[in-house]
Amino acid sequence: MAREARRTGFEFLKTLVIAFVLAQFIMTSVAQAFQVEQYSMEPNLLPRDRVLVNKFLYHFRPPRPGEVIVLRPPTDPGRNYIKRVVAVAGQRIWIDGGHVYVNGQMLGEPYLTAVTRGEYAPQVVPAGDVFVLGDNRPNSEDSRAFGFVPVHNVIGKAVLIYWPPERVTFLR
């Protein structure tokens, strides 16, 4: 009987170790949970929203315009920001009169509730970089402040708000 209990205990311990190793692998390379801490993405993401981030996707392709990403800003790589990709490598970006232009076309941004403040002189996004903006433009520290973001600073694509329960939704 004691031998059976030890075997069961060993199997349980082995299962816990395997589950821990798998969880660590998933969190470091596949998906990770993040909490929104700022107001820069309102009304689409609110402070204390928890989002699931796909960290695997950008190993196969670069970020695309319109995607919401978690990134490390170049000026403070110890922090995580959540922003929307507005322009990618090779695209010409500028802000004029409250509107964002990419390659000469004014962006249609139905997710905004306020116009974009300030001006941003035309620049081409360098290879390997993206240009990001918060959805709450008057209250967002983004590429207007810290410049282009190297793709290697992108942690992943935000795909799902999973907390609080009344806000559960996939991000588009």
N, C-alpha and C. Protein backbone atom coordinates (compact mmCIF):
# COMPACT_ATOMS: atom_id res chain seq x y z
N MET A 1 0.82 -1.19 0.00
CA MET A 1 0.00 0.00 0.00
C MET A 1 0.86 1.26 0.00
N ALA A 2 1.93 1.28 0.82
CA ALA A 2 2.82 2.44 0.89
C ALA A 2 3.51 2.65 -0.45
N ARG A 3 3.89 1.54 -1.07
CA ARG A 3 4.54 1.62 -2.38
C ARG A 3 3.60 2.25 -3.41
N GLU A 4 2.32 1.87 -3.38
CA GLU A 4 1.30 2.42 -4.28
C GLU A 4 1.13 3.92 -4.05
N ALA A 5 1.13 4.35 -2.80
CA ALA A 5 0.98 5.77 -2.47
C ALA A 5 2.19 6.56 -2.97
N ARG A 6 3.39 6.01 -2.81
CA ARG A 6 4.59 6.69 -3.31
C ARG A 6 4.54 6.82 -4.82
N ARG A 7 4.12 5.76 -5.49
CA ARG A 7 4.03 5.79 -6.96
C ARG A 7 3.01 6.85 -7.40
N THR A 8 1.87 6.90 -6.73
CA THR A 8 0.85 7.90 -7.06
C THR A 8 1.39 9.31 -6.79
N GLY A 9 2.07 9.48 -5.69
CA GLY A 9 2.67 10.78 -5.37
C GLY A 9 3.72 11.18 -6.39
N PHE A 10 4.54 10.23 -6.81
CA PHE A 10 5.55 10.51 -7.82
C PHE A 10 4.91 10.91 -9.14
N GLU A 11 3.87 10.18 -9.55
CA GLU A 11 3.16 10.50 -10.80
C GLU A 11 2.54 11.89 -10.73
N PHE A 12 1.97 12.23 -9.58
CA PHE A 12 1.38 13.56 -9.40
C PHE A 12 2.46 14.64 -9.50
N LEU A 13 3.58 14.44 -8.83
CA LEU A 13 4.68 15.39 -8.87
C LEU A 13 5.22 15.54 -10.29
N LYS A 14 5.37 14.42 -10.99
CA LYS A 14 5.84 14.45 -12.37
C LYS A 14 4.87 15.25 -13.25
N THR A 15 3.58 15.05 -13.07
CA THR A 15 2.57 15.78 -13.83
C THR A 15 2.66 17.28 -13.55
N LEU A 16 2.85 17.65 -12.29
CA LEU A 16 3.00 19.07 -11.93
C LEU A 16 4.23 19.69 -12.59
N VAL A 17 5.34 19.00 -12.59
CA VAL A 17 6.57 19.51 -13.21
C VAL A 17 6.38 19.69 -14.71
N ILE A 18 5.78 18.71 -15.36
CA ILE A 18 5.53 18.82 -16.80
C ILE A 18 4.60 19.98 -17.09
N ALA A 19 3.54 20.13 -16.30
CA ALA A 19 2.60 21.25 -16.49
C ALA A 19 3.31 22.59 -16.30
N PHE A 20 4.19 22.68 -15.30
CA PHE A 20 4.92 23.92 -15.06
C PHE A 20 5.84 24.24 -16.23
N VAL A 21 6.56 23.25 -16.73
CA VAL A 21 7.47 23.46 -17.86
C VAL A 21 6.69 23.88 -19.09
N LEU A 22 5.57 23.22 -19.37
CA LEU A 22 4.74 23.61 -20.51
C LEU A 22 4.20 25.03 -20.36
N ALA A 23 3.74 25.37 -19.16
CA ALA A 23 3.23 26.73 -18.92
C ALA A 23 4.32 27.77 -19.15
N GLN A 24 5.54 27.49 -18.69
CA GLN A 24 6.64 28.42 -18.91
C GLN A 24 6.95 28.57 -20.39
N PHE A 25 6.95 27.47 -21.12
CA PHE A 25 7.19 27.51 -22.56
C PHE A 25 6.12 28.35 -23.26
N ILE A 26 4.87 28.10 -22.91
CA ILE A 26 3.78 28.86 -23.54
C ILE A 26 3.89 30.34 -23.22
N MET A 27 4.17 30.69 -21.96
CA MET A 27 4.25 32.10 -21.57
C MET A 27 5.44 32.81 -22.21
N THR A 28 6.52 32.11 -22.45
CA THR A 28 7.69 32.79 -23.01
C THR A 28 7.71 32.83 -24.52
N SER A 29 6.98 31.93 -25.18
CA SER A 29 7.10 31.90 -26.63
C SER A 29 5.80 31.86 -27.41
N VAL A 30 4.68 31.56 -26.78
CA VAL A 30 3.44 31.42 -27.53
C VAL A 30 2.44 32.51 -27.18
N ALA A 31 2.07 32.63 -25.93
CA ALA A 31 1.07 33.60 -25.51
C ALA A 31 1.39 34.09 -24.10
N GLN A 32 0.93 35.30 -23.81
CA GLN A 32 1.16 35.86 -22.49
C GLN A 32 0.03 36.82 -22.16
N ALA A 33 -0.31 36.90 -20.90
CA ALA A 33 -1.34 37.82 -20.44
C ALA A 33 -0.70 39.14 -20.01
N PHE A 34 -1.34 40.24 -20.35
CA PHE A 34 -0.89 41.57 -19.95
C PHE A 34 -2.08 42.35 -19.41
N GLN A 35 -1.79 43.26 -18.48
CA GLN A 35 -2.83 44.15 -17.95
C GLN A 35 -2.61 45.54 -18.52
N VAL A 36 -3.68 46.13 -19.04
CA VAL A 36 -3.61 47.51 -19.53
C VAL A 36 -3.53 48.42 -18.31
N GLU A 37 -2.57 49.34 -18.31
CA GLU A 37 -2.37 50.19 -17.14
C GLU A 37 -2.61 51.67 -17.41
N GLN A 38 -2.71 52.05 -18.66
CA GLN A 38 -2.85 53.46 -19.00
C GLN A 38 -4.17 53.71 -19.73
N TYR A 39 -4.44 54.98 -19.99
CA TYR A 39 -5.66 55.39 -20.68
C TYR A 39 -5.43 55.61 -22.17
N SER A 40 -4.28 55.26 -22.68
CA SER A 40 -3.90 55.62 -24.05
C SER A 40 -4.66 54.87 -25.13
N MET A 41 -5.39 53.82 -24.78
CA MET A 41 -6.13 53.05 -25.80
C MET A 41 -7.65 53.15 -25.60
N GLU A 42 -8.09 54.06 -24.73
CA GLU A 42 -9.54 54.24 -24.54
C GLU A 42 -10.18 54.73 -25.83
N PRO A 43 -11.39 54.38 -26.10
CA PRO A 43 -12.32 53.58 -25.31
C PRO A 43 -12.22 52.08 -25.61
N ASN A 44 -11.31 51.69 -26.47
CA ASN A 44 -11.23 50.29 -26.90
C ASN A 44 -10.61 49.38 -25.86
N LEU A 45 -9.61 49.86 -25.17
CA LEU A 45 -9.00 49.13 -24.05
C LEU A 45 -8.97 50.07 -22.85
N LEU A 46 -9.41 49.56 -21.73
CA LEU A 46 -9.51 50.37 -20.52
C LEU A 46 -8.46 49.94 -19.50
N PRO A 47 -8.06 50.87 -18.63
CA PRO A 47 -7.15 50.47 -17.55
C PRO A 47 -7.75 49.29 -16.78
N ARG A 48 -6.91 48.34 -16.45
CA ARG A 48 -7.25 47.11 -15.74
C ARG A 48 -7.85 46.03 -16.63
N ASP A 49 -8.08 46.33 -17.92
CA ASP A 49 -8.43 45.24 -18.84
C ASP A 49 -7.24 44.29 -18.89
N ARG A 50 -7.51 43.03 -19.00
CA ARG A 50 -6.45 42.04 -19.19
C ARG A 50 -6.59 41.47 -20.59
N VAL A 51 -5.45 41.44 -21.29
CA VAL A 51 -5.46 40.99 -22.67
C VAL A 51 -4.51 39.81 -22.84
N LEU A 52 -4.88 38.94 -23.76
CA LEU A 52 -4.02 37.82 -24.14
C LEU A 52 -3.26 38.23 -25.38
N VAL A 53 -1.96 38.05 -25.36
CA VAL A 53 -1.08 38.48 -26.45
C VAL A 53 -0.45 37.27 -27.12
N ASN A 54 -0.59 37.22 -28.44
CA ASN A 54 0.01 36.16 -29.25
C ASN A 54 1.46 36.56 -29.52
N LYS A 55 2.40 35.88 -28.89
CA LYS A 55 3.82 36.18 -29.05
C LYS A 55 4.46 35.39 -30.19
N PHE A 56 3.75 34.45 -30.73
CA PHE A 56 4.27 33.52 -31.72
C PHE A 56 4.14 34.07 -33.15
N LEU A 57 3.07 34.80 -33.40
CA LEU A 57 2.71 35.26 -34.74
C LEU A 57 3.83 36.00 -35.45
N TYR A 58 4.48 36.91 -34.77
CA TYR A 58 5.47 37.76 -35.43
C TYR A 58 6.81 37.08 -35.67
N HIS A 59 6.91 35.81 -35.34
CA HIS A 59 8.07 35.02 -35.77
C HIS A 59 7.92 34.65 -37.24
N PHE A 60 6.68 34.71 -37.73
CA PHE A 60 6.38 34.30 -39.10
C PHE A 60 6.08 35.44 -40.04
N ARG A 61 5.63 36.56 -39.49
CA ARG A 61 5.33 37.73 -40.33
C ARG A 61 5.45 38.98 -39.47
N PRO A 62 5.68 40.13 -40.12
CA PRO A 62 5.78 41.38 -39.35
C PRO A 62 4.39 41.90 -38.96
N PRO A 63 4.35 42.83 -38.01
CA PRO A 63 3.07 43.46 -37.66
C PRO A 63 2.47 44.17 -38.87
N ARG A 64 1.14 44.25 -38.88
CA ARG A 64 0.41 44.90 -39.97
C ARG A 64 -0.34 46.12 -39.45
N PRO A 65 -0.57 47.11 -40.32
CA PRO A 65 -1.34 48.28 -39.90
C PRO A 65 -2.71 47.87 -39.35
N GLY A 66 -3.10 48.53 -38.27
CA GLY A 66 -4.38 48.28 -37.63
C GLY A 66 -4.31 47.30 -36.47
N GLU A 67 -3.23 46.52 -36.38
CA GLU A 67 -3.11 45.55 -35.29
C GLU A 67 -2.74 46.24 -33.99
N VAL A 68 -3.32 45.75 -32.91
CA VAL A 68 -3.00 46.25 -31.57
C VAL A 68 -1.89 45.36 -31.03
N ILE A 69 -0.80 45.99 -30.60
CA ILE A 69 0.38 45.23 -30.17
C ILE A 69 0.84 45.66 -28.78
N VAL A 70 1.56 44.78 -28.13
CA VAL A 70 2.28 45.12 -26.91
C VAL A 70 3.74 45.25 -27.32
N LEU A 71 4.37 46.33 -26.84
CA LEU A 71 5.74 46.63 -27.24
C LEU A 71 6.53 47.20 -26.09
N ARG A 72 7.84 47.21 -26.26
CA ARG A 72 8.75 47.90 -25.36
C ARG A 72 9.18 49.18 -26.08
N PRO A 73 8.83 50.35 -25.54
CA PRO A 73 9.22 51.58 -26.24
C PRO A 73 10.74 51.72 -26.28
N PRO A 74 11.27 52.26 -27.38
CA PRO A 74 12.73 52.38 -27.50
C PRO A 74 13.36 53.25 -26.42
N THR A 75 12.60 54.19 -25.86
CA THR A 75 13.15 55.08 -24.84
C THR A 75 13.10 54.49 -23.44
N ASP A 76 12.32 53.42 -23.24
CA ASP A 76 12.20 52.79 -21.93
C ASP A 76 11.90 51.30 -22.10
N PRO A 77 12.90 50.52 -22.54
CA PRO A 77 12.65 49.11 -22.86
C PRO A 77 12.25 48.25 -21.67
N GLY A 78 12.28 48.79 -20.47
CA GLY A 78 11.85 48.04 -19.30
C GLY A 78 10.35 48.07 -19.09
N ARG A 79 9.64 48.87 -19.87
CA ARG A 79 8.18 48.99 -19.74
C ARG A 79 7.48 48.33 -20.92
N ASN A 80 6.22 48.02 -20.72
CA ASN A 80 5.38 47.49 -21.80
C ASN A 80 4.28 48.49 -22.11
N TYR A 81 4.11 48.80 -23.38
CA TYR A 81 3.03 49.67 -23.84
C TYR A 81 2.13 48.86 -24.75
N ILE A 82 0.88 49.28 -24.85
CA ILE A 82 -0.02 48.68 -25.81
C ILE A 82 -0.49 49.80 -26.74
N LYS A 83 -0.31 49.59 -28.05
CA LYS A 83 -0.60 50.63 -29.06
C LYS A 83 -1.12 49.96 -30.32
N ARG A 84 -1.55 50.80 -31.25
CA ARG A 84 -2.02 50.32 -32.55
C ARG A 84 -0.97 50.63 -33.61
N VAL A 85 -0.66 49.66 -34.45
CA VAL A 85 0.26 49.87 -35.57
C VAL A 85 -0.48 50.72 -36.61
N VAL A 86 0.13 51.83 -37.00
CA VAL A 86 -0.48 52.72 -37.98
C VAL A 86 0.26 52.64 -39.31
N ALA A 87 1.57 52.46 -39.27
CA ALA A 87 2.36 52.36 -40.50
C ALA A 87 3.51 51.39 -40.28
N VAL A 88 3.92 50.75 -41.37
CA VAL A 88 5.00 49.76 -41.31
C VAL A 88 6.11 50.17 -42.27
N ALA A 89 7.17 49.40 -42.27
CA ALA A 89 8.37 49.68 -43.07
C ALA A 89 8.01 50.04 -44.51
N GLY A 90 8.61 51.15 -44.97
CA GLY A 90 8.42 51.60 -46.34
C GLY A 90 7.24 52.53 -46.55
N GLN A 91 6.36 52.63 -45.56
CA GLN A 91 5.22 53.54 -45.70
C GLN A 91 5.59 54.94 -45.22
N ARG A 92 5.03 55.93 -45.90
CA ARG A 92 5.26 57.35 -45.55
C ARG A 92 4.11 57.79 -44.65
N ILE A 93 4.45 58.28 -43.46
CA ILE A 93 3.47 58.65 -42.44
C ILE A 93 3.60 60.14 -42.12
N TRP A 94 2.47 60.81 -41.95
CA TRP A 94 2.47 62.16 -41.40
C TRP A 94 1.13 62.47 -40.79
N ILE A 95 1.14 63.49 -39.93
CA ILE A 95 -0.07 63.95 -39.25
C ILE A 95 -0.21 65.43 -39.56
N ASP A 96 -1.40 65.79 -40.04
CA ASP A 96 -1.65 67.18 -40.43
C ASP A 96 -3.11 67.50 -40.18
N GLY A 97 -3.35 68.59 -39.47
CA GLY A 97 -4.71 69.05 -39.24
C GLY A 97 -5.60 68.05 -38.52
N GLY A 98 -5.03 67.27 -37.63
CA GLY A 98 -5.82 66.31 -36.87
C GLY A 98 -6.06 64.98 -37.58
N HIS A 99 -5.46 64.82 -38.76
CA HIS A 99 -5.64 63.59 -39.51
C HIS A 99 -4.31 62.90 -39.75
N VAL A 100 -4.35 61.57 -39.77
CA VAL A 100 -3.16 60.75 -40.02
C VAL A 100 -3.20 60.32 -41.48
N TYR A 101 -2.06 60.47 -42.16
CA TYR A 101 -1.94 60.09 -43.56
C TYR A 101 -0.84 59.03 -43.70
N VAL A 102 -1.15 58.01 -44.48
CA VAL A 102 -0.17 56.98 -44.80
C VAL A 102 -0.14 56.86 -46.32
N ASN A 103 1.05 57.09 -46.89
CA ASN A 103 1.23 57.04 -48.34
C ASN A 103 0.22 57.93 -49.07
N GLY A 104 -0.04 59.10 -48.50
CA GLY A 104 -0.91 60.08 -49.14
C GLY A 104 -2.39 59.88 -48.91
N GLN A 105 -2.77 58.81 -48.26
CA GLN A 105 -4.19 58.53 -47.99
C GLN A 105 -4.50 58.80 -46.52
N MET A 106 -5.57 59.59 -46.30
CA MET A 106 -6.00 59.82 -44.93
C MET A 106 -6.57 58.51 -44.37
N LEU A 107 -6.12 58.15 -43.18
CA LEU A 107 -6.62 56.91 -42.56
C LEU A 107 -8.06 57.09 -42.10
N GLY A 108 -8.87 56.10 -42.37
CA GLY A 108 -10.19 56.03 -41.75
C GLY A 108 -10.00 55.31 -40.44
N GLU A 109 -10.30 55.97 -39.34
CA GLU A 109 -10.05 55.38 -38.03
C GLU A 109 -11.33 55.39 -37.20
N PRO A 110 -12.24 54.47 -37.45
CA PRO A 110 -13.53 54.46 -36.75
C PRO A 110 -13.41 54.17 -35.25
N TYR A 111 -12.26 53.70 -34.80
CA TYR A 111 -12.05 53.38 -33.39
C TYR A 111 -11.70 54.61 -32.57
N LEU A 112 -11.50 55.78 -33.20
CA LEU A 112 -11.14 57.00 -32.48
C LEU A 112 -12.37 57.76 -32.02
N THR A 113 -12.23 58.44 -30.88
CA THR A 113 -13.30 59.32 -30.41
C THR A 113 -12.84 60.78 -30.40
N ALA A 114 -11.56 61.03 -30.67
CA ALA A 114 -11.03 62.39 -30.72
C ALA A 114 -10.05 62.49 -31.87
N VAL A 115 -9.88 63.69 -32.40
CA VAL A 115 -8.92 63.88 -33.48
C VAL A 115 -7.50 63.78 -32.94
N THR A 116 -6.59 63.54 -33.85
CA THR A 116 -5.18 63.42 -33.49
C THR A 116 -4.60 64.81 -33.34
N ARG A 117 -4.06 65.11 -32.19
CA ARG A 117 -3.48 66.43 -31.93
C ARG A 117 -2.04 66.47 -32.38
N GLY A 118 -1.61 67.67 -32.73
CA GLY A 118 -0.22 67.88 -33.10
C GLY A 118 0.03 67.56 -34.56
N GLU A 119 1.20 67.90 -34.98
CA GLU A 119 1.63 67.67 -36.35
C GLU A 119 2.81 66.70 -36.32
N TYR A 120 2.97 65.97 -37.39
CA TYR A 120 4.11 65.08 -37.51
C TYR A 120 4.57 65.16 -38.95
N ALA A 121 5.79 65.62 -39.14
CA ALA A 121 6.32 65.82 -40.49
C ALA A 121 6.43 64.50 -41.24
N PRO A 122 6.22 64.53 -42.55
CA PRO A 122 6.30 63.28 -43.34
C PRO A 122 7.65 62.57 -43.16
N GLN A 123 7.55 61.28 -42.89
CA GLN A 123 8.73 60.43 -42.77
C GLN A 123 8.38 59.04 -43.28
N VAL A 124 9.36 58.37 -43.81
CA VAL A 124 9.19 56.99 -44.24
C VAL A 124 9.63 56.08 -43.09
N VAL A 125 8.79 55.11 -42.78
CA VAL A 125 9.11 54.16 -41.71
C VAL A 125 10.28 53.30 -42.19
N PRO A 126 11.39 53.29 -41.43
CA PRO A 126 12.56 52.51 -41.84
C PRO A 126 12.29 51.00 -41.83
N ALA A 127 13.09 50.29 -42.59
CA ALA A 127 13.01 48.83 -42.61
C ALA A 127 13.18 48.30 -41.19
N GLY A 128 12.35 47.33 -40.82
CA GLY A 128 12.45 46.71 -39.50
C GLY A 128 11.77 47.49 -38.39
N ASP A 129 11.03 48.55 -38.73
CA ASP A 129 10.36 49.38 -37.72
C ASP A 129 8.86 49.48 -38.01
N VAL A 130 8.13 49.95 -37.01
CA VAL A 130 6.72 50.28 -37.15
C VAL A 130 6.47 51.64 -36.50
N PHE A 131 5.38 52.28 -36.89
CA PHE A 131 4.94 53.54 -36.29
C PHE A 131 3.63 53.23 -35.57
N VAL A 132 3.55 53.56 -34.28
CA VAL A 132 2.39 53.21 -33.47
C VAL A 132 1.76 54.46 -32.85
N LEU A 133 0.45 54.39 -32.67
CA LEU A 133 -0.30 55.45 -31.98
C LEU A 133 -1.28 54.81 -31.02
N GLY A 134 -1.59 55.52 -29.93
CA GLY A 134 -2.66 55.08 -29.05
C GLY A 134 -3.99 55.50 -29.64
N ASP A 135 -5.05 54.82 -29.28
CA ASP A 135 -6.38 55.19 -29.77
C ASP A 135 -6.90 56.44 -29.07
N ASN A 136 -6.43 56.73 -27.88
CA ASN A 136 -6.80 57.93 -27.14
C ASN A 136 -5.68 58.95 -27.37
N ARG A 137 -5.64 59.51 -28.54
CA ARG A 137 -4.51 60.32 -29.00
C ARG A 137 -4.14 61.49 -28.08
N PRO A 138 -5.12 62.19 -27.46
CA PRO A 138 -4.70 63.28 -26.57
C PRO A 138 -3.95 62.80 -25.33
N ASN A 139 -4.09 61.53 -24.97
CA ASN A 139 -3.46 60.99 -23.76
C ASN A 139 -2.60 59.78 -24.06
N SER A 140 -1.79 59.87 -25.10
CA SER A 140 -0.99 58.70 -25.48
C SER A 140 0.46 59.10 -25.74
N GLU A 141 1.35 58.39 -25.09
CA GLU A 141 2.76 58.50 -25.42
C GLU A 141 3.03 57.40 -26.44
N ASP A 142 3.37 57.81 -27.65
CA ASP A 142 3.48 56.85 -28.74
C ASP A 142 4.59 57.28 -29.68
N SER A 143 4.56 56.84 -30.92
CA SER A 143 5.64 57.16 -31.86
C SER A 143 5.82 58.66 -32.08
N ARG A 144 4.80 59.45 -31.82
CA ARG A 144 4.97 60.90 -31.91
C ARG A 144 5.99 61.38 -30.89
N ALA A 145 6.10 60.67 -29.76
CA ALA A 145 7.03 61.04 -28.69
C ALA A 145 8.34 60.27 -28.77
N PHE A 146 8.28 58.96 -29.02
CA PHE A 146 9.51 58.15 -28.95
C PHE A 146 9.99 57.63 -30.29
N GLY A 147 9.31 58.00 -31.37
CA GLY A 147 9.78 57.62 -32.70
C GLY A 147 9.36 56.23 -33.11
N PHE A 148 10.01 55.76 -34.15
CA PHE A 148 9.70 54.44 -34.69
C PHE A 148 10.08 53.36 -33.69
N VAL A 149 9.37 52.23 -33.77
CA VAL A 149 9.61 51.11 -32.87
C VAL A 149 10.21 49.96 -33.66
N PRO A 150 11.41 49.51 -33.28
CA PRO A 150 11.97 48.34 -33.95
C PRO A 150 11.06 47.13 -33.74
N VAL A 151 10.89 46.34 -34.79
CA VAL A 151 10.03 45.16 -34.69
C VAL A 151 10.52 44.22 -33.59
N HIS A 152 11.81 44.18 -33.34
CA HIS A 152 12.31 43.31 -32.26
C HIS A 152 11.87 43.79 -30.88
N ASN A 153 11.32 45.00 -30.77
CA ASN A 153 10.75 45.50 -29.51
C ASN A 153 9.27 45.13 -29.36
N VAL A 154 8.69 44.54 -30.39
CA VAL A 154 7.29 44.13 -30.34
C VAL A 154 7.21 42.78 -29.64
N ILE A 155 6.42 42.73 -28.59
CA ILE A 155 6.25 41.50 -27.83
C ILE A 155 5.25 40.58 -28.51
N GLY A 156 4.17 41.16 -29.01
CA GLY A 156 3.17 40.34 -29.69
C GLY A 156 1.90 41.11 -30.00
N LYS A 157 0.97 40.41 -30.62
CA LYS A 157 -0.31 40.97 -31.02
C LYS A 157 -1.36 40.70 -29.95
N ALA A 158 -2.04 41.75 -29.50
CA ALA A 158 -3.14 41.59 -28.55
C ALA A 158 -4.32 41.00 -29.30
N VAL A 159 -4.85 39.88 -28.83
CA VAL A 159 -5.91 39.20 -29.57
C VAL A 159 -7.23 39.11 -28.80
N LEU A 160 -7.20 39.24 -27.48
CA LEU A 160 -8.41 38.99 -26.71
C LEU A 160 -8.38 39.77 -25.41
N ILE A 161 -9.49 40.46 -25.12
CA ILE A 161 -9.71 40.97 -23.76
C ILE A 161 -10.39 39.83 -23.02
N TYR A 162 -9.77 39.34 -21.94
CA TYR A 162 -10.37 38.22 -21.22
C TYR A 162 -10.83 38.59 -19.82
N TRP A 163 -10.53 39.81 -19.38
CA TRP A 163 -10.98 40.25 -18.06
C TRP A 163 -11.12 41.75 -18.06
N PRO A 164 -12.14 42.30 -17.48
CA PRO A 164 -13.22 41.68 -16.71
C PRO A 164 -14.22 40.95 -17.60
N PRO A 165 -14.99 40.04 -17.01
CA PRO A 165 -15.89 39.18 -17.80
C PRO A 165 -16.86 39.94 -18.71
N GLU A 166 -17.33 41.08 -18.27
CA GLU A 166 -18.29 41.82 -19.11
C GLU A 166 -17.65 42.47 -20.33
N ARG A 167 -16.32 42.45 -20.41
CA ARG A 167 -15.61 43.06 -21.55
C ARG A 167 -14.94 42.01 -22.45
N VAL A 168 -15.18 40.75 -22.20
CA VAL A 168 -14.54 39.69 -22.99
C VAL A 168 -14.90 39.89 -24.47
N THR A 169 -13.85 40.04 -25.30
CA THR A 169 -14.05 40.21 -26.72
C THR A 169 -12.73 39.99 -27.46
N PHE A 170 -12.83 39.55 -28.71
CA PHE A 170 -11.64 39.46 -29.55
C PHE A 170 -11.34 40.84 -30.10
N LEU A 171 -10.07 41.17 -30.20
CA LEU A 171 -9.65 42.47 -30.76
C LEU A 171 -9.47 42.34 -32.25
N ARG A 172 -9.97 43.32 -33.00
CA ARG A 172 -9.81 43.34 -34.44
C ARG A 172 -8.99 44.55 -34.84
